[in-house]
């Protein structure tokens, strides 16, 4: 991804970019995001993975039938709950957000025909 800011300042020159990956680089799966504009005029995006909750404990009765019978579960509201695991987020200024939006739109346009084929 090339930012408009750097391309304006280096127009007409060939620049080689080297990528340095942190030892802790570990891409994460996200199926949602939450955030907004902070008091400094920056866009904050927190990515999350949403899933059904897992019980902390279960009490089962064994031996009555082929399958164990669940007697109790903690917490008791598992069926009415969801879990959002937030592991990372980004803070973008306006210019960077515009460039990333354009970058995303380009890749979405590339994927669109493939996704439409899958639906058929």
PDB file of N, CA and C in Angstrom:
ATOM      1  N   UNK A   1       0.860  -1.171   0.000  1.00  0.00           N
ATOM      2  CA  UNK A   1       0.000   0.000   0.000  1.00  0.00           C
ATOM      3  C   UNK A   1       0.901   1.227   0.000  1.00  0.00           C
ATOM      4  N   UNK A   2       0.638   2.163  -0.848  1.00  0.00           N
ATOM      5  CA  UNK A   2       1.438   3.383  -0.973  1.00  0.00           C
ATOM      6  C   UNK A   2       0.594   4.556  -0.523  1.00  0.00           C
ATOM      7  N   UNK A   3       1.115   5.376   0.364  1.00  0.00           N
ATOM      8  CA  UNK A   3       0.348   6.531   0.824  1.00  0.00           C
ATOM      9  C   UNK A   3       0.518   7.690  -0.132  1.00  0.00           C
ATOM     10  N   UNK A   4      -0.535   8.480  -0.242  1.00  0.00           N
ATOM     11  CA  UNK A   4      -0.481   9.654  -1.118  1.00  0.00           C
ATOM     12  C   UNK A   4       0.617  10.611  -0.678  1.00  0.00           C
ATOM     13  N   UNK A   5       0.783  10.760   0.633  1.00  0.00           N
ATOM     14  CA  UNK A   5       1.755  11.694   1.175  1.00  0.00           C
ATOM     15  C   UNK A   5       3.161  11.362   0.677  1.00  0.00           C
ATOM     16  N   UNK A   6       3.572  10.070   0.752  1.00  0.00           N
ATOM     17  CA  UNK A   6       4.925   9.706   0.337  1.00  0.00           C
ATOM     18  C   UNK A   6       5.073   9.761  -1.174  1.00  0.00           C
ATOM     19  N   UNK A   7       4.018   9.425  -1.918  1.00  0.00           N
ATOM     20  CA  UNK A   7       4.136   9.433  -3.371  1.00  0.00           C
ATOM     21  C   UNK A   7       4.253  10.858  -3.905  1.00  0.00           C
ATOM     22  N   UNK A   8       3.672  11.843  -3.222  1.00  0.00           N
ATOM     23  CA  UNK A   8       3.787  13.238  -3.653  1.00  0.00           C
ATOM     24  C   UNK A   8       5.211  13.742  -3.425  1.00  0.00           C
ATOM     25  N   UNK A   9       5.798  13.362  -2.288  1.00  0.00           N
ATOM     26  CA  UNK A   9       7.113  13.883  -1.954  1.00  0.00           C
ATOM     27  C   UNK A   9       8.236  13.190  -2.719  1.00  0.00           C
ATOM     28  N   UNK A  10       7.991  12.019  -3.302  1.00  0.00           N
ATOM     29  CA  UNK A  10       9.044  11.292  -4.010  1.00  0.00           C
ATOM     30  C   UNK A  10       8.708  11.091  -5.482  1.00  0.00           C
ATOM     31  N   UNK A  11       7.775  11.855  -5.982  1.00  0.00           N
ATOM     32  CA  UNK A  11       7.336  11.709  -7.373  1.00  0.00           C
ATOM     33  C   UNK A  11       8.525  11.793  -8.321  1.00  0.00           C
ATOM     34  N   UNK A  12       8.583  10.836  -9.257  1.00  0.00           N
ATOM     35  CA  UNK A  12       9.648  10.827 -10.236  1.00  0.00           C
ATOM     36  C   UNK A  12      10.885  10.067  -9.786  1.00  0.00           C
ATOM     37  N   UNK A  13      10.919   9.596  -8.540  1.00  0.00           N
ATOM     38  CA  UNK A  13      12.055   8.824  -8.034  1.00  0.00           C
ATOM     39  C   UNK A  13      11.617   7.377  -7.821  1.00  0.00           C
ATOM     40  N   UNK A  14      12.548   6.456  -7.954  1.00  0.00           N
ATOM     41  CA  UNK A  14      12.278   5.048  -7.672  1.00  0.00           C
ATOM     42  C   UNK A  14      12.796   4.769  -6.268  1.00  0.00           C
ATOM     43  N   UNK A  15      11.914   4.320  -5.417  1.00  0.00           N
ATOM     44  CA  UNK A  15      12.263   4.057  -4.020  1.00  0.00           C
ATOM     45  C   UNK A  15      11.994   2.585  -3.713  1.00  0.00           C
ATOM     46  N   UNK A  16      12.961   1.903  -3.139  1.00  0.00           N
ATOM     47  CA  UNK A  16      12.797   0.515  -2.722  1.00  0.00           C
ATOM     48  C   UNK A  16      12.394   0.513  -1.245  1.00  0.00           C
ATOM     49  N   UNK A  17      11.329  -0.207  -0.923  1.00  0.00           N
ATOM     50  CA  UNK A  17      10.860  -0.285   0.455  1.00  0.00           C
ATOM     51  C   UNK A  17      11.158  -1.667   0.999  1.00  0.00           C
ATOM     52  N   UNK A  18      11.780  -1.719   2.165  1.00  0.00           N
ATOM     53  CA  UNK A  18      12.050  -2.987   2.842  1.00  0.00           C
ATOM     54  C   UNK A  18      11.088  -3.108   4.010  1.00  0.00           C
ATOM     55  N   UNK A  19      10.551  -4.301   4.206  1.00  0.00           N
ATOM     56  CA  UNK A  19       9.608  -4.554   5.290  1.00  0.00           C
ATOM     57  C   UNK A  19      10.326  -5.256   6.431  1.00  0.00           C
ATOM     58  N   UNK A  20      10.115  -4.759   7.623  1.00  0.00           N
ATOM     59  CA  UNK A  20      10.679  -5.375   8.815  1.00  0.00           C
ATOM     60  C   UNK A  20       9.517  -5.892   9.648  1.00  0.00           C
ATOM     61  N   UNK A  21       9.517  -7.188   9.908  1.00  0.00           N
ATOM     62  CA  UNK A  21       8.457  -7.815  10.696  1.00  0.00           C
ATOM     63  C   UNK A  21       8.967  -8.045  12.108  1.00  0.00           C
ATOM     64  N   UNK A  22       8.199  -7.601  13.072  1.00  0.00           N
ATOM     65  CA  UNK A  22       8.516  -7.820  14.471  1.00  0.00           C
ATOM     66  C   UNK A  22       8.580  -9.315  14.750  1.00  0.00           C
ATOM     67  N   UNK A  23       9.390  -9.700  15.722  1.00  0.00           N
ATOM     68  CA  UNK A  23       9.446 -11.099  16.138  1.00  0.00           C
ATOM     69  C   UNK A  23       8.076 -11.581  16.607  1.00  0.00           C
ATOM     70  N   UNK A  24       7.256 -10.649  17.092  1.00  0.00           N
ATOM     71  CA  UNK A  24       5.933 -10.981  17.599  1.00  0.00           C
ATOM     72  C   UNK A  24       4.846 -10.894  16.539  1.00  0.00           C
ATOM     73  N   UNK A  25       5.218 -10.666  15.265  1.00  0.00           N
ATOM     74  CA  UNK A  25       4.227 -10.558  14.196  1.00  0.00           C
ATOM     75  C   UNK A  25       3.408 -11.830  14.150  1.00  0.00           C
ATOM     76  N   UNK A  26       2.096 -11.675  14.263  1.00  0.00           N
ATOM     77  CA  UNK A  26       1.197 -12.825  14.303  1.00  0.00           C
ATOM     78  C   UNK A  26      -0.181 -12.362  13.845  1.00  0.00           C
ATOM     79  N   UNK A  27      -0.503 -12.480  12.554  1.00  0.00           N
ATOM     80  CA  UNK A  27      -1.804 -12.011  12.071  1.00  0.00           C
ATOM     81  C   UNK A  27      -2.954 -12.670  12.830  1.00  0.00           C
ATOM     82  N   UNK A  28      -3.995 -11.918  13.066  1.00  0.00           N
ATOM     83  CA  UNK A  28      -5.163 -12.397  13.801  1.00  0.00           C
ATOM     84  C   UNK A  28      -6.385 -12.367  12.903  1.00  0.00           C
ATOM     85  N   UNK A  29      -7.294 -13.302  13.135  1.00  0.00           N
ATOM     86  CA  UNK A  29      -8.566 -13.334  12.430  1.00  0.00           C
ATOM     87  C   UNK A  29      -9.526 -12.375  13.126  1.00  0.00           C
ATOM     88  N   UNK A  30     -10.274 -11.615  12.360  1.00  0.00           N
ATOM     89  CA  UNK A  30     -11.306 -10.736  12.912  1.00  0.00           C
ATOM     90  C   UNK A  30     -12.571 -10.905  12.096  1.00  0.00           C
ATOM     91  N   UNK A  31     -13.711 -10.940  12.780  1.00  0.00           N
ATOM     92  CA  UNK A  31     -14.990 -10.968  12.062  1.00  0.00           C
ATOM     93  C   UNK A  31     -15.848  -9.771  12.436  1.00  0.00           C
ATOM     94  N   UNK A  32     -15.213  -8.762  13.020  1.00  0.00           N
ATOM     95  CA  UNK A  32     -15.927  -7.537  13.337  1.00  0.00           C
ATOM     96  C   UNK A  32     -14.982  -6.466  13.853  1.00  0.00           C
ATOM     97  N   UNK A  33     -15.517  -5.265  13.962  1.00  0.00           N
ATOM     98  CA  UNK A  33     -14.728  -4.145  14.472  1.00  0.00           C
ATOM     99  C   UNK A  33     -15.661  -3.162  15.166  1.00  0.00           C
ATOM    100  N   UNK A  34     -15.109  -2.457  16.129  1.00  0.00           N
ATOM    101  CA  UNK A  34     -15.859  -1.430  16.850  1.00  0.00           C
ATOM    102  C   UNK A  34     -14.908  -0.266  17.085  1.00  0.00           C
ATOM    103  N   UNK A  35     -15.434   0.926  17.093  1.00  0.00           N
ATOM    104  CA  UNK A  35     -14.586   2.093  17.318  1.00  0.00           C
ATOM    105  C   UNK A  35     -15.299   3.360  16.928  1.00  0.00           C
ATOM    106  N   UNK A  36     -14.535   4.360  16.570  1.00  0.00           N
ATOM    107  CA  UNK A  36     -15.095   5.655  16.198  1.00  0.00           C
ATOM    108  C   UNK A  36     -14.012   6.709  16.164  1.00  0.00           C
ATOM    109  N   UNK A  37     -14.426   7.955  16.227  1.00  0.00           N
ATOM    110  CA  UNK A  37     -13.488   9.078  16.199  1.00  0.00           C
ATOM    111  C   UNK A  37     -13.181   9.475  17.640  1.00  0.00           C
ATOM    112  N   UNK A  38     -11.884   9.596  17.959  1.00  0.00           N
ATOM    113  CA  UNK A  38     -11.490   9.982  19.312  1.00  0.00           C
ATOM    114  C   UNK A  38     -11.428  11.505  19.433  1.00  0.00           C
ATOM    115  N   UNK A  39     -11.200  12.044  20.627  1.00  0.00           N
ATOM    116  CA  UNK A  39     -11.173  13.497  20.821  1.00  0.00           C
ATOM    117  C   UNK A  39     -10.073  14.219  20.038  1.00  0.00           C
ATOM    118  N   UNK A  40      -9.087  13.476  19.527  1.00  0.00           N
ATOM    119  CA  UNK A  40      -7.989  14.079  18.772  1.00  0.00           C
ATOM    120  C   UNK A  40      -8.263  14.081  17.274  1.00  0.00           C
ATOM    121  N   UNK A  41      -9.455  13.647  16.859  1.00  0.00           N
ATOM    122  CA  UNK A  41      -9.804  13.617  15.444  1.00  0.00           C
ATOM    123  C   UNK A  41      -9.198  12.449  14.695  1.00  0.00           C
ATOM    124  N   UNK A  42      -8.879  11.383  15.402  1.00  0.00           N
ATOM    125  CA  UNK A  42      -8.329  10.184  14.784  1.00  0.00           C
ATOM    126  C   UNK A  42      -9.392   9.087  14.803  1.00  0.00           C
ATOM    127  N   UNK A  43      -9.275   8.155  13.872  1.00  0.00           N
ATOM    128  CA  UNK A  43     -10.210   7.037  13.819  1.00  0.00           C
ATOM    129  C   UNK A  43      -9.595   5.865  14.582  1.00  0.00           C
ATOM    130  N   UNK A  44     -10.346   5.341  15.535  1.00  0.00           N
ATOM    131  CA  UNK A  44      -9.908   4.203  16.339  1.00  0.00           C
ATOM    132  C   UNK A  44     -10.720   2.989  15.905  1.00  0.00           C
ATOM    133  N   UNK A  45     -10.028   1.916  15.526  1.00  0.00           N
ATOM    134  CA  UNK A  45     -10.692   0.674  15.127  1.00  0.00           C
ATOM    135  C   UNK A  45     -10.150  -0.442  16.012  1.00  0.00           C
ATOM    136  N   UNK A  46     -11.028  -1.085  16.759  1.00  0.00           N
ATOM    137  CA  UNK A  46     -10.662  -2.244  17.563  1.00  0.00           C
ATOM    138  C   UNK A  46     -11.277  -3.470  16.900  1.00  0.00           C
ATOM    139  N   UNK A  47     -10.420  -4.400  16.485  1.00  0.00           N
ATOM    140  CA  UNK A  47     -10.882  -5.599  15.805  1.00  0.00           C
ATOM    141  C   UNK A  47     -11.195  -6.681  16.822  1.00  0.00           C
ATOM    142  N   UNK A  48     -12.273  -7.425  16.553  1.00  0.00           N
ATOM    143  CA  UNK A  48     -12.631  -8.502  17.476  1.00  0.00           C
ATOM    144  C   UNK A  48     -13.011  -9.758  16.722  1.00  0.00           C
ATOM    145  N   UNK A  49     -12.980 -10.854  17.467  1.00  0.00           N
ATOM    146  CA  UNK A  49     -13.465 -12.150  17.009  1.00  0.00           C
ATOM    147  C   UNK A  49     -14.644 -12.489  17.902  1.00  0.00           C
ATOM    148  N   UNK A  50     -15.812 -12.656  17.303  1.00  0.00           N
ATOM    149  CA  UNK A  50     -17.026 -12.939  18.073  1.00  0.00           C
ATOM    150  C   UNK A  50     -17.338 -14.427  17.988  1.00  0.00           C
ATOM    151  N   UNK A  51     -17.699 -14.991  19.138  1.00  0.00           N
ATOM    152  CA  UNK A  51     -17.997 -16.417  19.213  1.00  0.00           C
ATOM    153  C   UNK A  51     -18.983 -16.681  20.338  1.00  0.00           C
ATOM    154  N   UNK A  52     -19.482 -17.906  20.350  1.00  0.00           N
ATOM    155  CA  UNK A  52     -20.337 -18.327  21.457  1.00  0.00           C
ATOM    156  C   UNK A  52     -19.463 -18.493  22.697  1.00  0.00           C
ATOM    157  N   UNK A  53     -20.008 -18.210  23.869  1.00  0.00           N
ATOM    158  CA  UNK A  53     -19.210 -18.354  25.091  1.00  0.00           C
ATOM    159  C   UNK A  53     -18.993 -19.827  25.445  1.00  0.00           C
ATOM    160  N   UNK A  54     -17.927 -20.069  26.154  1.00  0.00           N
ATOM    161  CA  UNK A  54     -17.631 -21.411  26.659  1.00  0.00           C
ATOM    162  C   UNK A  54     -17.910 -21.425  28.162  1.00  0.00           C
ATOM    163  N   UNK A  55     -18.398 -22.524  28.662  1.00  0.00           N
ATOM    164  CA  UNK A  55     -18.669 -22.574  30.113  1.00  0.00           C
ATOM    165  C   UNK A  55     -17.380 -22.576  30.923  1.00  0.00           C
ATOM    166  N   UNK A  56     -17.461 -22.005  32.107  1.00  0.00           N
ATOM    167  CA  UNK A  56     -16.341 -22.069  33.043  1.00  0.00           C
ATOM    168  C   UNK A  56     -16.334 -23.444  33.694  1.00  0.00           C
ATOM    169  N   UNK A  57     -17.546 -23.952  33.977  1.00  0.00           N
ATOM    170  CA  UNK A  57     -17.658 -25.304  34.537  1.00  0.00           C
ATOM    171  C   UNK A  57     -19.012 -25.906  34.180  1.00  0.00           C
ATOM    172  N   UNK A  58     -19.059 -27.225  34.162  1.00  0.00           N
ATOM    173  CA  UNK A  58     -20.297 -27.962  33.927  1.00  0.00           C
ATOM    174  C   UNK A  58     -20.357 -29.119  34.915  1.00  0.00           C
ATOM    175  N   UNK A  59     -21.557 -29.390  35.399  1.00  0.00           N
ATOM    176  CA  UNK A  59     -21.786 -30.552  36.250  1.00  0.00           C
ATOM    177  C   UNK A  59     -22.655 -31.518  35.470  1.00  0.00           C
ATOM    178  N   UNK A  60     -22.172 -32.744  35.310  1.00  0.00           N
ATOM    179  CA  UNK A  60     -22.873 -33.733  34.501  1.00  0.00           C
ATOM    180  C   UNK A  60     -23.171 -34.977  35.341  1.00  0.00           C
ATOM    181  N   UNK A  61     -24.295 -35.602  35.053  1.00  0.00           N
ATOM    182  CA  UNK A  61     -24.631 -36.886  35.678  1.00  0.00           C
ATOM    183  C   UNK A  61     -24.323 -37.974  34.663  1.00  0.00           C
ATOM    184  N   UNK A  62     -23.483 -38.910  35.051  1.00  0.00           N
ATOM    185  CA  UNK A  62     -23.065 -39.987  34.155  1.00  0.00           C
ATOM    186  C   UNK A  62     -23.692 -41.306  34.583  1.00  0.00           C
ATOM    187  N   UNK A  63     -23.888 -42.181  33.618  1.00  0.00           N
ATOM    188  CA  UNK A  63     -24.344 -43.527  33.920  1.00  0.00           C
ATOM    189  C   UNK A  63     -25.839 -43.736  33.804  1.00  0.00           C
ATOM    190  N   UNK A  64     -26.633 -42.679  33.696  1.00  0.00           N
ATOM    191  CA  UNK A  64     -28.080 -42.815  33.604  1.00  0.00           C
ATOM    192  C   UNK A  64     -28.486 -43.223  32.188  1.00  0.00           C
ATOM    193  N   UNK A  65     -27.843 -42.642  31.196  1.00  0.00           N
ATOM    194  CA  UNK A  65     -28.115 -42.979  29.798  1.00  0.00           C
ATOM    195  C   UNK A  65     -26.788 -43.033  29.052  1.00  0.00           C
ATOM    196  N   UNK A  66     -26.841 -43.276  27.760  1.00  0.00           N
ATOM    197  CA  UNK A  66     -25.621 -43.336  26.963  1.00  0.00           C
ATOM    198  C   UNK A  66     -24.883 -41.999  26.983  1.00  0.00           C
ATOM    199  N   UNK A  67     -25.628 -40.925  26.974  1.00  0.00           N
ATOM    200  CA  UNK A  67     -25.041 -39.585  27.019  1.00  0.00           C
ATOM    201  C   UNK A  67     -25.157 -39.015  28.430  1.00  0.00           C
ATOM    202  N   UNK A  68     -24.127 -38.293  28.898  1.00  0.00           N
ATOM    203  CA  UNK A  68     -24.238 -37.640  30.209  1.00  0.00           C
ATOM    204  C   UNK A  68     -25.330 -36.575  30.189  1.00  0.00           C
ATOM    205  N   UNK A  69     -25.946 -36.344  31.324  1.00  0.00           N
ATOM    206  CA  UNK A  69     -26.999 -35.335  31.452  1.00  0.00           C
ATOM    207  C   UNK A  69     -26.417 -34.138  32.182  1.00  0.00           C
ATOM    208  N   UNK A  70     -26.554 -32.950  31.544  1.00  0.00           N
ATOM    209  CA  UNK A  70     -26.043 -31.720  32.139  1.00  0.00           C
ATOM    210  C   UNK A  70     -26.980 -31.295  33.266  1.00  0.00           C
ATOM    211  N   UNK A  71     -26.428 -31.095  34.445  1.00  0.00           N
ATOM    212  CA  UNK A  71     -27.214 -30.667  35.599  1.00  0.00           C
ATOM    213  C   UNK A  71     -27.062 -29.171  35.828  1.00  0.00           C
ATOM    214  N   UNK A  72     -25.834 -28.679  35.706  1.00  0.00           N
ATOM    215  CA  UNK A  72     -25.576 -27.255  35.954  1.00  0.00           C
ATOM    216  C   UNK A  72     -24.441 -26.780  35.068  1.00  0.00           C
ATOM    217  N   UNK A  73     -24.435 -25.445  34.861  1.00  0.00           N
ATOM    218  CA  UNK A  73     -23.415 -24.834  34.019  1.00  0.00           C
ATOM    219  C   UNK A  73     -23.134 -23.433  34.553  1.00  0.00           C
ATOM    220  N   UNK A  74     -21.862 -23.062  34.564  1.00  0.00           N
ATOM    221  CA  UNK A  74     -21.472 -21.722  34.999  1.00  0.00           C
ATOM    222  C   UNK A  74     -20.727 -21.038  33.874  1.00  0.00           C
ATOM    223  N   UNK A  75     -21.083 -19.803  33.526  1.00  0.00           N
ATOM    224  CA  UNK A  75     -22.233 -19.034  34.005  1.00  0.00           C
ATOM    225  C   UNK A  75     -23.539 -19.591  33.449  1.00  0.00           C
ATOM    226  N   UNK A  76     -24.630 -19.235  34.090  1.00  0.00           N
ATOM    227  CA  UNK A  76     -25.930 -19.797  33.733  1.00  0.00           C
ATOM    228  C   UNK A  76     -26.548 -19.147  32.498  1.00  0.00           C
ATOM    229  N   UNK A  77     -26.021 -18.033  32.040  1.00  0.00           N
ATOM    230  CA  UNK A  77     -26.622 -17.310  30.909  1.00  0.00           C
ATOM    231  C   UNK A  77     -25.897 -17.543  29.577  1.00  0.00           C
ATOM    232  N   UNK A  78     -25.242 -18.684  29.412  1.00  0.00           N
ATOM    233  CA  UNK A  78     -24.469 -18.949  28.193  1.00  0.00           C
ATOM    234  C   UNK A  78     -25.303 -18.850  26.929  1.00  0.00           C
ATOM    235  N   UNK A  79     -26.530 -19.343  26.966  1.00  0.00           N
ATOM    236  CA  UNK A  79     -27.382 -19.344  25.767  1.00  0.00           C
ATOM    237  C   UNK A  79     -27.781 -17.929  25.355  1.00  0.00           C
ATOM    238  N   UNK A  80     -27.745 -16.994  26.281  1.00  0.00           N
ATOM    239  CA  UNK A  80     -28.150 -15.610  26.005  1.00  0.00           C
ATOM    240  C   UNK A  80     -26.946 -14.672  25.883  1.00  0.00           C
ATOM    241  N   UNK A  81     -25.758 -15.238  25.684  1.00  0.00           N
ATOM    242  CA  UNK A  81     -24.539 -14.433  25.683  1.00  0.00           C
ATOM    243  C   UNK A  81     -23.735 -14.645  24.410  1.00  0.00           C
ATOM    244  N   UNK A  82     -22.850 -13.711  24.184  1.00  0.00           N
ATOM    245  CA  UNK A  82     -21.845 -13.846  23.137  1.00  0.00           C
ATOM    246  C   UNK A  82     -20.549 -13.282  23.693  1.00  0.00           C
ATOM    247  N   UNK A  83     -19.440 -13.687  23.124  1.00  0.00           N
ATOM    248  CA  UNK A  83     -18.133 -13.227  23.570  1.00  0.00           C
ATOM    249  C   UNK A  83     -17.457 -12.521  22.412  1.00  0.00           C
ATOM    250  N   UNK A  84     -16.910 -11.356  22.669  1.00  0.00           N
ATOM    251  CA  UNK A  84     -16.099 -10.641  21.687  1.00  0.00           C
ATOM    252  C   UNK A  84     -14.694 -10.527  22.246  1.00  0.00           C
ATOM    253  N   UNK A  85     -13.776 -11.183  21.589  1.00  0.00           N
ATOM    254  CA  UNK A  85     -12.384 -11.162  22.010  1.00  0.00           C
ATOM    255  C   UNK A  85     -11.679 -10.060  21.218  1.00  0.00           C
ATOM    256  N   UNK A  86     -11.242  -9.017  21.915  1.00  0.00           N
ATOM    257  CA  UNK A  86     -10.556  -7.888  21.283  1.00  0.00           C
ATOM    258  C   UNK A  86      -9.070  -8.036  21.593  1.00  0.00           C
ATOM    259  N   UNK A  87      -8.270  -8.303  20.548  1.00  0.00           N
ATOM    260  CA  UNK A  87      -6.832  -8.487  20.754  1.00  0.00           C
ATOM    261  C   UNK A  87      -6.001  -7.353  20.199  1.00  0.00           C
ATOM    262  N   UNK A  88      -6.551  -6.604  19.236  1.00  0.00           N
ATOM    263  CA  UNK A  88      -5.749  -5.538  18.653  1.00  0.00           C
ATOM    264  C   UNK A  88      -6.630  -4.469  18.034  1.00  0.00           C
ATOM    265  N   UNK A  89      -6.010  -3.364  17.784  1.00  0.00           N
ATOM    266  CA  UNK A  89      -6.708  -2.249  17.168  1.00  0.00           C
ATOM    267  C   UNK A  89      -5.703  -1.324  16.518  1.00  0.00           C
ATOM    268  N   UNK A  90      -6.217  -0.358  15.783  1.00  0.00           N
ATOM    269  CA  UNK A  90      -5.359   0.628  15.135  1.00  0.00           C
ATOM    270  C   UNK A  90      -5.950   2.017  15.314  1.00  0.00           C
ATOM    271  N   UNK A  91      -5.089   3.009  15.285  1.00  0.00           N
ATOM    272  CA  UNK A  91      -5.496   4.408  15.340  1.00  0.00           C
ATOM    273  C   UNK A  91      -4.977   5.057  14.071  1.00  0.00           C
ATOM    274  N   UNK A  92      -5.887   5.660  13.298  1.00  0.00           N
ATOM    275  CA  UNK A  92      -5.531   6.239  12.007  1.00  0.00           C
ATOM    276  C   UNK A  92      -5.839   7.729  11.973  1.00  0.00           C
ATOM    277  N   UNK A  93      -4.959   8.494  11.338  1.00  0.00           N
ATOM    278  CA  UNK A  93      -5.326   9.878  11.081  1.00  0.00           C
ATOM    279  C   UNK A  93      -6.189   9.908   9.819  1.00  0.00           C
ATOM    280  N   UNK A  94      -6.756  11.043   9.518  1.00  0.00           N
ATOM    281  CA  UNK A  94      -7.685  11.175   8.390  1.00  0.00           C
ATOM    282  C   UNK A  94      -7.047  10.742   7.070  1.00  0.00           C
ATOM    283  N   UNK A  95      -5.851  11.263   6.773  1.00  0.00           N
ATOM    284  CA  UNK A  95      -5.196  10.961   5.496  1.00  0.00           C
ATOM    285  C   UNK A  95      -4.944   9.461   5.332  1.00  0.00           C
ATOM    286  N   UNK A  96      -4.457   8.823   6.378  1.00  0.00           N
ATOM    287  CA  UNK A  96      -4.190   7.389   6.308  1.00  0.00           C
ATOM    288  C   UNK A  96      -5.484   6.602   6.153  1.00  0.00           C
ATOM    289  N   UNK A  97      -6.534   7.016   6.847  1.00  0.00           N
ATOM    290  CA  UNK A  97      -7.829   6.336   6.727  1.00  0.00           C
ATOM    291  C   UNK A  97      -8.349   6.397   5.296  1.00  0.00           C
ATOM    292  N   UNK A  98      -8.191   7.543   4.633  1.00  0.00           N
ATOM    293  CA  UNK A  98      -8.640   7.699   3.244  1.00  0.00           C
ATOM    294  C   UNK A  98      -7.862   6.749   2.329  1.00  0.00           C
ATOM    295  N   UNK A  99      -6.551   6.661   2.531  1.00  0.00           N
ATOM    296  CA  UNK A  99      -5.723   5.775   1.707  1.00  0.00           C
ATOM    297  C   UNK A  99      -6.106   4.315   1.939  1.00  0.00           C
ATOM    298  N   UNK A 100      -6.324   3.937   3.192  1.00  0.00           N
ATOM    299  CA  UNK A 100      -6.700   2.546   3.499  1.00  0.00           C
ATOM    300  C   UNK A 100      -8.083   2.237   2.935  1.00  0.00           C
ATOM    301  N   UNK A 101      -8.995   3.196   2.996  1.00  0.00           N
ATOM    302  CA  UNK A 101     -10.322   3.005   2.406  1.00  0.00           C
ATOM    303  C   UNK A 101     -10.194   2.694   0.915  1.00  0.00           C
ATOM    304  N   UNK A 102      -9.380   3.472   0.228  1.00  0.00           N
ATOM    305  CA  UNK A 102      -9.169   3.266  -1.215  1.00  0.00           C
ATOM    306  C   UNK A 102      -8.542   1.896  -1.468  1.00  0.00           C
ATOM    307  N   UNK A 103      -7.565   1.528  -0.653  1.00  0.00           N
ATOM    308  CA  UNK A 103      -6.896   0.232  -0.769  1.00  0.00           C
ATOM    309  C   UNK A 103      -7.891  -0.909  -0.567  1.00  0.00           C
ATOM    310  N   UNK A 104      -8.730  -0.801   0.471  1.00  0.00           N
ATOM    311  CA  UNK A 104      -9.762  -1.819   0.731  1.00  0.00           C
ATOM    312  C   UNK A 104     -10.753  -1.913  -0.424  1.00  0.00           C
ATOM    313  N   UNK A 105     -11.199  -0.769  -0.932  1.00  0.00           N
ATOM    314  CA  UNK A 105     -12.159  -0.775  -2.043  1.00  0.00           C
ATOM    315  C   UNK A 105     -11.585  -1.476  -3.268  1.00  0.00           C
ATOM    316  N   UNK A 106     -10.303  -1.267  -3.534  1.00  0.00           N
ATOM    317  CA  UNK A 106      -9.650  -1.932  -4.664  1.00  0.00           C
ATOM    318  C   UNK A 106      -9.692  -3.449  -4.483  1.00  0.00           C
ATOM    319  N   UNK A 107      -9.372  -3.925  -3.306  1.00  0.00           N
ATOM    320  CA  UNK A 107      -9.360  -5.369  -3.049  1.00  0.00           C
ATOM    321  C   UNK A 107     -10.776  -5.942  -2.968  1.00  0.00           C
ATOM    322  N   UNK A 108     -11.707  -5.181  -2.465  1.00  0.00           N
ATOM    323  CA  UNK A 108     -13.107  -5.622  -2.440  1.00  0.00           C
ATOM    324  C   UNK A 108     -13.622  -5.764  -3.869  1.00  0.00           C
ATOM    325  N   UNK A 109     -13.288  -4.811  -4.723  1.00  0.00           N
ATOM    326  CA  UNK A 109     -13.696  -4.893  -6.129  1.00  0.00           C
ATOM    327  C   UNK A 109     -13.105  -6.129  -6.809  1.00  0.00           C
ATOM    328  N   UNK A 110     -11.885  -6.492  -6.435  1.00  0.00           N
ATOM    329  CA  UNK A 110     -11.253  -7.694  -6.984  1.00  0.00           C
ATOM    330  C   UNK A 110     -11.985  -8.955  -6.522  1.00  0.00           C
ATOM    331  N   UNK A 111     -12.390  -8.981  -5.263  1.00  0.00           N
ATOM    332  CA  UNK A 111     -13.061 -10.157  -4.693  1.00  0.00           C
ATOM    333  C   UNK A 111     -14.527 -10.291  -5.105  1.00  0.00           C
ATOM    334  N   UNK A 112     -15.163  -9.187  -5.431  1.00  0.00           N
ATOM    335  CA  UNK A 112     -16.605  -9.185  -5.694  1.00  0.00           C
ATOM    336  C   UNK A 112     -17.041 -10.238  -6.716  1.00  0.00           C
ATOM    337  N   UNK A 113     -16.398 -10.338  -7.890  1.00  0.00           N
ATOM    338  CA  UNK A 113     -16.825 -11.364  -8.845  1.00  0.00           C
ATOM    339  C   UNK A 113     -16.673 -12.788  -8.298  1.00  0.00           C
ATOM    340  N   UNK A 114     -15.622 -13.025  -7.531  1.00  0.00           N
ATOM    341  CA  UNK A 114     -15.415 -14.351  -6.941  1.00  0.00           C
ATOM    342  C   UNK A 114     -16.513 -14.679  -5.933  1.00  0.00           C
ATOM    343  N   UNK A 115     -16.892 -13.696  -5.115  1.00  0.00           N
ATOM    344  CA  UNK A 115     -17.938 -13.917  -4.114  1.00  0.00           C
ATOM    345  C   UNK A 115     -19.298 -14.137  -4.792  1.00  0.00           C
ATOM    346  N   UNK A 116     -19.544 -13.431  -5.879  1.00  0.00           N
ATOM    347  CA  UNK A 116     -20.808 -13.602  -6.605  1.00  0.00           C
ATOM    348  C   UNK A 116     -20.884 -14.982  -7.232  1.00  0.00           C
ATOM    349  N   UNK A 117     -19.740 -15.511  -7.711  1.00  0.00           N
ATOM    350  CA  UNK A 117     -19.708 -16.865  -8.271  1.00  0.00           C
ATOM    351  C   UNK A 117     -20.042 -17.897  -7.211  1.00  0.00           C
ATOM    352  N   UNK A 118     -19.529 -17.699  -5.994  1.00  0.00           N
ATOM    353  CA  UNK A 118     -19.784 -18.626  -4.878  1.00  0.00           C
ATOM    354  C   UNK A 118     -21.264 -18.700  -4.536  1.00  0.00           C
ATOM    355  N   UNK A 119     -21.960 -17.594  -4.670  1.00  0.00           N
ATOM    356  CA  UNK A 119     -23.385 -17.536  -4.324  1.00  0.00           C
ATOM    357  C   UNK A 119     -24.251 -18.306  -5.311  1.00  0.00           C
ATOM    358  N   UNK A 120     -23.722 -18.537  -6.513  1.00  0.00           N
ATOM    359  CA  UNK A 120     -24.511 -19.226  -7.545  1.00  0.00           C
ATOM    360  C   UNK A 120     -24.576 -20.709  -7.317  1.00  0.00           C
TER     361      UNK A 120
END
